[in-house]
Amino acid sequence: MKIKFPMIAKTATYGLMHVTISFFVSWFVTYSLTKDIKASFVTALGISILEPSIQIVGYYFHERAWTKWGKNHPSQAAPEWNVSGCAHHNHDGHNHKH
């Protein structure tokens, strides 16, 4: 199995960006409510670690549900398009070429 460095780097930088944005938003909100810089810093740090961690778990279950009921389900199939841009559907709900 070949590891694709650009994909890993992109994922890592996106994760870092997500945590950083979460931290600063949380810090701004908690500081504006408490006016306690140390407490708001610690709270923001906790939120910026906790929130992405929960997102990862949520994403896992989202992907499982999507695989089971989403894009792979026959009723969710995208229509096939002809050259004129019109979709073709049969009355049984399935897409057929003409």
PDB file of N, CA and C in Angstrom:
ATOM      1  N   MET A   1       0.840  -1.181   0.000  1.00  0.00           N
ATOM      2  CA  MET A   1       0.000   0.000   0.000  1.00  0.00           C
ATOM      3  C   MET A   1       0.884   1.243   0.000  1.00  0.00           C
ATOM      4  N   LYS A   2       0.636   2.124  -0.937  1.00  0.00           N
ATOM      5  CA  LYS A   2       1.414   3.349  -1.066  1.00  0.00           C
ATOM      6  C   LYS A   2       0.713   4.468  -0.286  1.00  0.00           C
ATOM      7  N   ILE A   3       1.464   5.113   0.602  1.00  0.00           N
ATOM      8  CA  ILE A   3       0.918   6.227   1.371  1.00  0.00           C
ATOM      9  C   ILE A   3       1.084   7.499   0.555  1.00  0.00           C
ATOM     10  N   LYS A   4       0.014   8.231   0.416  1.00  0.00           N
ATOM     11  CA  LYS A   4       0.037   9.458  -0.379  1.00  0.00           C
ATOM     12  C   LYS A   4       0.290  10.645   0.543  1.00  0.00           C
ATOM     13  N   PHE A   5       1.516  11.160   0.495  1.00  0.00           N
ATOM     14  CA  PHE A   5       1.905  12.258   1.378  1.00  0.00           C
ATOM     15  C   PHE A   5       1.035  13.502   1.209  1.00  0.00           C
ATOM     16  N   PRO A   6       0.714  13.939  -0.023  1.00  0.00           N
ATOM     17  CA  PRO A   6      -0.112  15.146  -0.142  1.00  0.00           C
ATOM     18  C   PRO A   6      -1.460  15.012   0.570  1.00  0.00           C
ATOM     19  N   MET A   7      -2.070  13.825   0.518  1.00  0.00           N
ATOM     20  CA  MET A   7      -3.357  13.629   1.181  1.00  0.00           C
ATOM     21  C   MET A   7      -3.193  13.701   2.701  1.00  0.00           C
ATOM     22  N   ILE A   8      -2.122  13.104   3.213  1.00  0.00           N
ATOM     23  CA  ILE A   8      -1.850  13.144   4.651  1.00  0.00           C
ATOM     24  C   ILE A   8      -1.557  14.579   5.085  1.00  0.00           C
ATOM     25  N   ALA A   9      -0.765  15.281   4.310  1.00  0.00           N
ATOM     26  CA  ALA A   9      -0.430  16.667   4.633  1.00  0.00           C
ATOM     27  C   ALA A   9      -1.674  17.552   4.608  1.00  0.00           C
ATOM     28  N   LYS A  10      -2.521  17.344   3.609  1.00  0.00           N
ATOM     29  CA  LYS A  10      -3.746  18.129   3.499  1.00  0.00           C
ATOM     30  C   LYS A  10      -4.654  17.860   4.701  1.00  0.00           C
ATOM     31  N   THR A  11      -4.793  16.596   5.080  1.00  0.00           N
ATOM     32  CA  THR A  11      -5.610  16.229   6.229  1.00  0.00           C
ATOM     33  C   THR A  11      -5.054  16.848   7.508  1.00  0.00           C
ATOM     34  N   ALA A  12      -3.741  16.766   7.687  1.00  0.00           N
ATOM     35  CA  ALA A  12      -3.099  17.309   8.892  1.00  0.00           C
ATOM     36  C   ALA A  12      -3.258  18.825   8.964  1.00  0.00           C
ATOM     37  N   THR A  13      -3.052  19.520   7.851  1.00  0.00           N
ATOM     38  CA  THR A  13      -3.181  20.978   7.881  1.00  0.00           C
ATOM     39  C   THR A  13      -4.632  21.395   8.083  1.00  0.00           C
ATOM     40  N   TYR A  14      -5.574  20.629   7.519  1.00  0.00           N
ATOM     41  CA  TYR A  14      -6.984  20.932   7.749  1.00  0.00           C
ATOM     42  C   TYR A  14      -7.321  20.724   9.229  1.00  0.00           C
ATOM     43  N   GLY A  15      -6.831  19.646   9.816  1.00  0.00           N
ATOM     44  CA  GLY A  15      -7.065  19.390  11.237  1.00  0.00           C
ATOM     45  C   GLY A  15      -6.507  20.498  12.101  1.00  0.00           C
ATOM     46  N   LEU A  16      -5.300  20.943  11.801  1.00  0.00           N
ATOM     47  CA  LEU A  16      -4.674  22.041  12.544  1.00  0.00           C
ATOM     48  C   LEU A  16      -5.483  23.330  12.395  1.00  0.00           C
ATOM     49  N   MET A  17      -5.937  23.612  11.186  1.00  0.00           N
ATOM     50  CA  MET A  17      -6.749  24.800  10.947  1.00  0.00           C
ATOM     51  C   MET A  17      -8.056  24.708  11.747  1.00  0.00           C
ATOM     52  N   HIS A  18      -8.672  23.527  11.750  1.00  0.00           N
ATOM     53  CA  HIS A  18      -9.931  23.336  12.471  1.00  0.00           C
ATOM     54  C   HIS A  18      -9.748  23.585  13.971  1.00  0.00           C
ATOM     55  N   VAL A  19      -8.708  23.002  14.552  1.00  0.00           N
ATOM     56  CA  VAL A  19      -8.439  23.176  15.979  1.00  0.00           C
ATOM     57  C   VAL A  19      -8.123  24.642  16.293  1.00  0.00           C
ATOM     58  N   THR A  20      -7.346  25.290  15.443  1.00  0.00           N
ATOM     59  CA  THR A  20      -6.975  26.698  15.666  1.00  0.00           C
ATOM     60  C   THR A  20      -8.194  27.606  15.621  1.00  0.00           C
ATOM     61  N   ILE A  21      -9.030  27.428  14.621  1.00  0.00           N
ATOM     62  CA  ILE A  21     -10.243  28.250  14.513  1.00  0.00           C
ATOM     63  C   ILE A  21     -11.161  27.992  15.703  1.00  0.00           C
ATOM     64  N   SER A  22     -11.322  26.731  16.051  1.00  0.00           N
ATOM     65  CA  SER A  22     -12.160  26.373  17.194  1.00  0.00           C
ATOM     66  C   SER A  22     -11.630  27.028  18.471  1.00  0.00           C
ATOM     67  N   PHE A  23     -10.316  27.015  18.647  1.00  0.00           N
ATOM     68  CA  PHE A  23      -9.707  27.619  19.836  1.00  0.00           C
ATOM     69  C   PHE A  23     -10.007  29.114  19.903  1.00  0.00           C
ATOM     70  N   PHE A  24      -9.739  29.837  18.806  1.00  0.00           N
ATOM     71  CA  PHE A  24      -9.912  31.285  18.852  1.00  0.00           C
ATOM     72  C   PHE A  24     -11.370  31.699  18.971  1.00  0.00           C
ATOM     73  N   VAL A  25     -12.275  30.981  18.329  1.00  0.00           N
ATOM     74  CA  VAL A  25     -13.704  31.293  18.483  1.00  0.00           C
ATOM     75  C   VAL A  25     -14.129  31.044  19.929  1.00  0.00           C
ATOM     76  N   SER A  26     -13.719  29.897  20.471  1.00  0.00           N
ATOM     77  CA  SER A  26     -14.074  29.566  21.856  1.00  0.00           C
ATOM     78  C   SER A  26     -13.479  30.572  22.839  1.00  0.00           C
ATOM     79  N   TRP A  27     -12.238  30.949  22.604  1.00  0.00           N
ATOM     80  CA  TRP A  27     -11.576  31.906  23.495  1.00  0.00           C
ATOM     81  C   TRP A  27     -12.277  33.258  23.449  1.00  0.00           C
ATOM     82  N   PHE A  28     -12.609  33.706  22.258  1.00  0.00           N
ATOM     83  CA  PHE A  28     -13.295  34.992  22.109  1.00  0.00           C
ATOM     84  C   PHE A  28     -14.638  34.975  22.841  1.00  0.00           C
ATOM     85  N   VAL A  29     -15.403  33.914  22.631  1.00  0.00           N
ATOM     86  CA  VAL A  29     -16.730  33.840  23.247  1.00  0.00           C
ATOM     87  C   VAL A  29     -16.625  33.735  24.765  1.00  0.00           C
ATOM     88  N   THR A  30     -15.767  32.838  25.257  1.00  0.00           N
ATOM     89  CA  THR A  30     -15.672  32.671  26.713  1.00  0.00           C
ATOM     90  C   THR A  30     -15.067  33.899  27.393  1.00  0.00           C
ATOM     91  N   TYR A  31     -14.098  34.541  26.750  1.00  0.00           N
ATOM     92  CA  TYR A  31     -13.512  35.747  27.346  1.00  0.00           C
ATOM     93  C   TYR A  31     -14.527  36.889  27.362  1.00  0.00           C
ATOM     94  N   SER A  32     -15.301  37.018  26.296  1.00  0.00           N
ATOM     95  CA  SER A  32     -16.283  38.098  26.249  1.00  0.00           C
ATOM     96  C   SER A  32     -17.376  37.901  27.305  1.00  0.00           C
ATOM     97  N   LEU A  33     -17.591  36.654  27.730  1.00  0.00           N
ATOM     98  CA  LEU A  33     -18.588  36.391  28.770  1.00  0.00           C
ATOM     99  C   LEU A  33     -18.015  36.510  30.173  1.00  0.00           C
ATOM    100  N   THR A  34     -16.763  36.086  30.350  1.00  0.00           N
ATOM    101  CA  THR A  34     -16.199  36.010  31.708  1.00  0.00           C
ATOM    102  C   THR A  34     -15.218  37.121  32.048  1.00  0.00           C
ATOM    103  N   LYS A  35     -14.552  37.683  31.063  1.00  0.00           N
ATOM    104  CA  LYS A  35     -13.480  38.679  31.240  1.00  0.00           C
ATOM    105  C   LYS A  35     -12.335  38.120  32.078  1.00  0.00           C
ATOM    106  N   ASP A  36     -12.218  36.801  32.126  1.00  0.00           N
ATOM    107  CA  ASP A  36     -11.138  36.123  32.852  1.00  0.00           C
ATOM    108  C   ASP A  36     -10.263  35.440  31.802  1.00  0.00           C
ATOM    109  N   ILE A  37      -9.099  36.033  31.523  1.00  0.00           N
ATOM    110  CA  ILE A  37      -8.265  35.560  30.426  1.00  0.00           C
ATOM    111  C   ILE A  37      -7.748  34.145  30.641  1.00  0.00           C
ATOM    112  N   LYS A  38      -7.347  33.815  31.867  1.00  0.00           N
ATOM    113  CA  LYS A  38      -6.804  32.480  32.130  1.00  0.00           C
ATOM    114  C   LYS A  38      -7.896  31.412  32.022  1.00  0.00           C
ATOM    115  N   ALA A  39      -9.038  31.644  32.650  1.00  0.00           N
ATOM    116  CA  ALA A  39     -10.133  30.666  32.601  1.00  0.00           C
ATOM    117  C   ALA A  39     -10.647  30.500  31.174  1.00  0.00           C
ATOM    118  N   SER A  40     -10.746  31.598  30.441  1.00  0.00           N
ATOM    119  CA  SER A  40     -11.246  31.498  29.068  1.00  0.00           C
ATOM    120  C   SER A  40     -10.239  30.774  28.171  1.00  0.00           C
ATOM    121  N   PHE A  41      -8.938  30.950  28.433  1.00  0.00           N
ATOM    122  CA  PHE A  41      -7.907  30.250  27.675  1.00  0.00           C
ATOM    123  C   PHE A  41      -8.009  28.741  27.902  1.00  0.00           C
ATOM    124  N   VAL A  42      -8.123  28.338  29.166  1.00  0.00           N
ATOM    125  CA  VAL A  42      -8.215  26.912  29.499  1.00  0.00           C
ATOM    126  C   VAL A  42      -9.501  26.315  28.927  1.00  0.00           C
ATOM    127  N   THR A  43     -10.604  27.038  29.041  1.00  0.00           N
ATOM    128  CA  THR A  43     -11.876  26.568  28.492  1.00  0.00           C
ATOM    129  C   THR A  43     -11.786  26.424  26.981  1.00  0.00           C
ATOM    130  N   ALA A  44     -11.224  27.420  26.314  1.00  0.00           N
ATOM    131  CA  ALA A  44     -11.088  27.374  24.859  1.00  0.00           C
ATOM    132  C   ALA A  44     -10.192  26.222  24.422  1.00  0.00           C
ATOM    133  N   LEU A  45      -9.129  25.969  25.159  1.00  0.00           N
ATOM    134  CA  LEU A  45      -8.245  24.860  24.848  1.00  0.00           C
ATOM    135  C   LEU A  45      -9.002  23.532  24.940  1.00  0.00           C
ATOM    136  N   GLY A  46      -9.778  23.382  26.001  1.00  0.00           N
ATOM    137  CA  GLY A  46     -10.578  22.167  26.163  1.00  0.00           C
ATOM    138  C   GLY A  46     -11.592  21.988  25.047  1.00  0.00           C
ATOM    139  N   ILE A  47     -12.281  23.059  24.696  1.00  0.00           N
ATOM    140  CA  ILE A  47     -13.272  22.995  23.619  1.00  0.00           C
ATOM    141  C   ILE A  47     -12.605  22.661  22.294  1.00  0.00           C
ATOM    142  N   SER A  48     -11.463  23.278  22.028  1.00  0.00           N
ATOM    143  CA  SER A  48     -10.803  23.069  20.726  1.00  0.00           C
ATOM    144  C   SER A  48     -10.222  21.672  20.587  1.00  0.00           C
ATOM    145  N   ILE A  49     -10.038  20.966  21.680  1.00  0.00           N
ATOM    146  CA  ILE A  49      -9.599  19.567  21.612  1.00  0.00           C
ATOM    147  C   ILE A  49     -10.821  18.635  21.611  1.00  0.00           C
ATOM    148  N   LEU A  50     -11.800  18.940  22.429  1.00  0.00           N
ATOM    149  CA  LEU A  50     -12.984  18.093  22.564  1.00  0.00           C
ATOM    150  C   LEU A  50     -13.854  18.108  21.310  1.00  0.00           C
ATOM    151  N   GLU A  51     -14.120  19.277  20.789  1.00  0.00           N
ATOM    152  CA  GLU A  51     -15.038  19.393  19.644  1.00  0.00           C
ATOM    153  C   GLU A  51     -14.553  18.613  18.425  1.00  0.00           C
ATOM    154  N   PRO A  52     -13.289  18.757  17.977  1.00  0.00           N
ATOM    155  CA  PRO A  52     -12.848  17.962  16.826  1.00  0.00           C
ATOM    156  C   PRO A  52     -12.837  16.451  17.114  1.00  0.00           C
ATOM    157  N   SER A  53     -12.572  16.083  18.355  1.00  0.00           N
ATOM    158  CA  SER A  53     -12.586  14.661  18.711  1.00  0.00           C
ATOM    159  C   SER A  53     -13.988  14.085  18.552  1.00  0.00           C
ATOM    160  N   ILE A  54     -14.991  14.826  18.997  1.00  0.00           N
ATOM    161  CA  ILE A  54     -16.374  14.387  18.841  1.00  0.00           C
ATOM    162  C   ILE A  54     -16.766  14.379  17.366  1.00  0.00           C
ATOM    163  N   GLN A  55     -16.265  15.354  16.613  1.00  0.00           N
ATOM    164  CA  GLN A  55     -16.533  15.396  15.173  1.00  0.00           C
ATOM    165  C   GLN A  55     -16.031  14.131  14.472  1.00  0.00           C
ATOM    166  N   ILE A  56     -14.868  13.642  14.880  1.00  0.00           N
ATOM    167  CA  ILE A  56     -14.303  12.432  14.275  1.00  0.00           C
ATOM    168  C   ILE A  56     -15.244  11.249  14.493  1.00  0.00           C
ATOM    169  N   VAL A  57     -15.752  11.099  15.708  1.00  0.00           N
ATOM    170  CA  VAL A  57     -16.683  10.005  16.013  1.00  0.00           C
ATOM    171  C   VAL A  57     -17.974  10.181  15.213  1.00  0.00           C
ATOM    172  N   GLY A  58     -18.479  11.400  15.178  1.00  0.00           N
ATOM    173  CA  GLY A  58     -19.681  11.681  14.395  1.00  0.00           C
ATOM    174  C   GLY A  58     -19.488  11.388  12.923  1.00  0.00           C
ATOM    175  N   TYR A  59     -18.321  11.736  12.396  1.00  0.00           N
ATOM    176  CA  TYR A  59     -18.025  11.484  10.983  1.00  0.00           C
ATOM    177  C   TYR A  59     -18.027   9.989  10.684  1.00  0.00           C
ATOM    178  N   TYR A  60     -17.477   9.193  11.593  1.00  0.00           N
ATOM    179  CA  TYR A  60     -17.450   7.746  11.408  1.00  0.00           C
ATOM    180  C   TYR A  60     -18.872   7.198  11.258  1.00  0.00           C
ATOM    181  N   PHE A  61     -19.760   7.591  12.177  1.00  0.00           N
ATOM    182  CA  PHE A  61     -21.137   7.094  12.099  1.00  0.00           C
ATOM    183  C   PHE A  61     -21.886   7.670  10.901  1.00  0.00           C
ATOM    184  N   HIS A  62     -21.576   8.911  10.527  1.00  0.00           N
ATOM    185  CA  HIS A  62     -22.163   9.501   9.324  1.00  0.00           C
ATOM    186  C   HIS A  62     -21.779   8.685   8.086  1.00  0.00           C
ATOM    187  N   GLU A  63     -20.518   8.325   7.983  1.00  0.00           N
ATOM    188  CA  GLU A  63     -20.046   7.535   6.840  1.00  0.00           C
ATOM    189  C   GLU A  63     -20.704   6.159   6.805  1.00  0.00           C
ATOM    190  N   ARG A  64     -20.851   5.534   7.948  1.00  0.00           N
ATOM    191  CA  ARG A  64     -21.514   4.222   7.995  1.00  0.00           C
ATOM    192  C   ARG A  64     -22.958   4.345   7.530  1.00  0.00           C
ATOM    193  N   ALA A  65     -23.672   5.363   8.015  1.00  0.00           N
ATOM    194  CA  ALA A  65     -25.060   5.571   7.613  1.00  0.00           C
ATOM    195  C   ALA A  65     -25.144   5.917   6.131  1.00  0.00           C
ATOM    196  N   TRP A  66     -24.238   6.742   5.666  1.00  0.00           N
ATOM    197  CA  TRP A  66     -24.242   7.153   4.266  1.00  0.00           C
ATOM    198  C   TRP A  66     -24.014   5.953   3.354  1.00  0.00           C
ATOM    199  N   THR A  67     -23.105   5.076   3.754  1.00  0.00           N
ATOM    200  CA  THR A  67     -22.825   3.882   2.970  1.00  0.00           C
ATOM    201  C   THR A  67     -24.044   2.965   2.944  1.00  0.00           C
ATOM    202  N   LYS A  68     -24.743   2.867   4.058  1.00  0.00           N
ATOM    203  CA  LYS A  68     -25.888   1.969   4.137  1.00  0.00           C
ATOM    204  C   LYS A  68     -27.123   2.550   3.470  1.00  0.00           C
ATOM    205  N   TRP A  69     -27.435   3.835   3.712  1.00  0.00           N
ATOM    206  CA  TRP A  69     -28.689   4.403   3.244  1.00  0.00           C
ATOM    207  C   TRP A  69     -28.546   5.564   2.271  1.00  0.00           C
ATOM    208  N   GLY A  70     -27.368   6.082   2.117  1.00  0.00           N
ATOM    209  CA  GLY A  70     -27.192   7.298   1.332  1.00  0.00           C
ATOM    210  C   GLY A  70     -26.972   7.077  -0.141  1.00  0.00           C
ATOM    211  N   LYS A  71     -25.814   7.477  -0.587  1.00  0.00           N
ATOM    212  CA  LYS A  71     -25.507   7.521  -2.018  1.00  0.00           C
ATOM    213  C   LYS A  71     -25.562   6.178  -2.703  1.00  0.00           C
ATOM    214  N   ASN A  72     -25.416   5.075  -1.983  1.00  0.00           N
ATOM    215  CA  ASN A  72     -25.439   3.752  -2.599  1.00  0.00           C
ATOM    216  C   ASN A  72     -26.831   3.146  -2.656  1.00  0.00           C
ATOM    217  N   HIS A  73     -27.805   3.811  -2.068  1.00  0.00           N
ATOM    218  CA  HIS A  73     -29.171   3.296  -2.079  1.00  0.00           C
ATOM    219  C   HIS A  73     -29.796   3.584  -3.438  1.00  0.00           C
ATOM    220  N   PRO A  74     -30.487   2.605  -4.042  1.00  0.00           N
ATOM    221  CA  PRO A  74     -31.048   2.804  -5.388  1.00  0.00           C
ATOM    222  C   PRO A  74     -31.943   4.034  -5.501  1.00  0.00           C
ATOM    223  N   SER A  75     -32.700   4.363  -4.457  1.00  0.00           N
ATOM    224  CA  SER A  75     -33.587   5.525  -4.558  1.00  0.00           C
ATOM    225  C   SER A  75     -32.819   6.839  -4.535  1.00  0.00           C
ATOM    226  N   GLN A  76     -31.537   6.806  -4.150  1.00  0.00           N
ATOM    227  CA  GLN A  76     -30.721   8.010  -4.088  1.00  0.00           C
ATOM    228  C   GLN A  76     -29.802   8.161  -5.303  1.00  0.00           C
ATOM    229  N   ALA A  77     -29.910   7.237  -6.251  1.00  0.00           N
ATOM    230  CA  ALA A  77     -29.021   7.261  -7.407  1.00  0.00           C
ATOM    231  C   ALA A  77     -29.251   8.522  -8.227  1.00  0.00           C
ATOM    232  N   ALA A  78     -28.174   9.089  -8.716  1.00  0.00           N
ATOM    233  CA  ALA A  78     -28.257  10.280  -9.558  1.00  0.00           C
ATOM    234  C   ALA A  78     -28.788   9.883 -10.928  1.00  0.00           C
ATOM    235  N   PRO A  79     -29.610  10.719 -11.526  1.00  0.00           N
ATOM    236  CA  PRO A  79     -30.117  10.395 -12.858  1.00  0.00           C
ATOM    237  C   PRO A  79     -29.006  10.458 -13.897  1.00  0.00           C
ATOM    238  N   GLU A  80     -29.185   9.699 -14.959  1.00  0.00           N
ATOM    239  CA  GLU A  80     -28.246   9.777 -16.080  1.00  0.00           C
ATOM    240  C   GLU A  80     -28.716  10.908 -16.978  1.00  0.00           C
ATOM    241  N   TRP A  81     -27.759  11.666 -17.492  1.00  0.00           N
ATOM    242  CA  TRP A  81     -28.094  12.833 -18.299  1.00  0.00           C
ATOM    243  C   TRP A  81     -27.759  12.566 -19.759  1.00  0.00           C
ATOM    244  N   ASN A  82     -28.637  13.011 -20.647  1.00  0.00           N
ATOM    245  CA  ASN A  82     -28.327  12.882 -22.069  1.00  0.00           C
ATOM    246  C   ASN A  82     -27.624  14.146 -22.544  1.00  0.00           C
ATOM    247  N   VAL A  83     -27.306  14.219 -23.808  1.00  0.00           N
ATOM    248  CA  VAL A  83     -26.543  15.337 -24.356  1.00  0.00           C
ATOM    249  C   VAL A  83     -27.272  16.671 -24.173  1.00  0.00           C
ATOM    250  N   SER A  84     -28.599  16.656 -24.213  1.00  0.00           N
ATOM    251  CA  SER A  84     -29.353  17.901 -24.080  1.00  0.00           C
ATOM    252  C   SER A  84     -29.448  18.381 -22.635  1.00  0.00           C
ATOM    253  N   GLY A  85     -28.974  17.568 -21.693  1.00  0.00           N
ATOM    254  CA  GLY A  85     -29.009  17.953 -20.291  1.00  0.00           C
ATOM    255  C   GLY A  85     -30.260  17.503 -19.570  1.00  0.00           C
ATOM    256  N   CYS A  86     -31.075  16.679 -20.219  1.00  0.00           N
ATOM    257  CA  CYS A  86     -32.305  16.196 -19.594  1.00  0.00           C
ATOM    258  C   CYS A  86     -32.054  14.855 -18.913  1.00  0.00           C
ATOM    259  N   ALA A  87     -32.624  14.719 -17.727  1.00  0.00           N
ATOM    260  CA  ALA A  87     -32.491  13.458 -16.988  1.00  0.00           C
ATOM    261  C   ALA A  87     -33.536  12.469 -17.489  1.00  0.00           C
ATOM    262  N   HIS A  88     -33.178  11.190 -17.478  1.00  0.00           N
ATOM    263  CA  HIS A  88     -34.098  10.144 -17.885  1.00  0.00           C
ATOM    264  C   HIS A  88     -34.419   9.272 -16.694  1.00  0.00           C
ATOM    265  N   HIS A  89     -35.715   9.188 -16.356  1.00  0.00           N
ATOM    266  CA  HIS A  89     -36.176   8.327 -15.278  1.00  0.00           C
ATOM    267  C   HIS A  89     -37.260   7.411 -15.836  1.00  0.00           C
ATOM    268  N   ASN A  90     -37.316   6.226 -15.325  1.00  0.00           N
ATOM    269  CA  ASN A  90     -38.398   5.321 -15.645  1.00  0.00           C
ATOM    270  C   ASN A  90     -39.409   5.434 -14.516  1.00  0.00           C
ATOM    271  N   HIS A  91     -40.604   4.961 -14.712  1.00  0.00           N
ATOM    272  CA  HIS A  91     -41.634   5.069 -13.676  1.00  0.00           C
ATOM    273  C   HIS A  91     -41.333   4.224 -12.448  1.00  0.00           C
ATOM    274  N   ASP A  92     -40.404   3.286 -12.564  1.00  0.00           N
ATOM    275  CA  ASP A  92     -40.057   2.463 -11.399  1.00  0.00           C
ATOM    276  C   ASP A  92     -39.051   3.161 -10.484  1.00  0.00           C
ATOM    277  N   GLY A  93     -38.677   4.401 -10.805  1.00  0.00           N
ATOM    278  CA  GLY A  93     -37.770   5.159  -9.972  1.00  0.00           C
ATOM    279  C   GLY A  93     -36.307   4.953 -10.314  1.00  0.00           C
ATOM    280  N   HIS A  94     -36.019   4.082 -11.263  1.00  0.00           N
ATOM    281  CA  HIS A  94     -34.642   3.817 -11.655  1.00  0.00           C
ATOM    282  C   HIS A  94     -34.311   4.577 -12.920  1.00  0.00           C
ATOM    283  N   ASN A  95     -33.045   4.848 -13.111  1.00  0.00           N
ATOM    284  CA  ASN A  95     -32.578   5.586 -14.277  1.00  0.00           C
ATOM    285  C   ASN A  95     -32.253   4.603 -15.387  1.00  0.00           C
ATOM    286  N   HIS A  96     -32.650   4.937 -16.592  1.00  0.00           N
ATOM    287  CA  HIS A  96     -32.386   4.083 -17.739  1.00  0.00           C
ATOM    288  C   HIS A  96     -31.932   4.940 -18.913  1.00  0.00           C
ATOM    289  N   LYS A  97     -30.982   4.429 -19.680  1.00  0.00           N
ATOM    290  CA  LYS A  97     -30.552   5.145 -20.894  1.00  0.00           C
ATOM    291  C   LYS A  97     -31.557   4.911 -22.003  1.00  0.00           C
ATOM    292  N   HIS A  98     -31.728   5.926 -22.819  1.00  0.00           N
ATOM    293  CA  HIS A  98     -32.601   5.811 -23.995  1.00  0.00           C
ATOM    294  C   HIS A  98     -31.782   5.906 -25.228  1.00  0.00           C
TER     295      HIS A  98
END
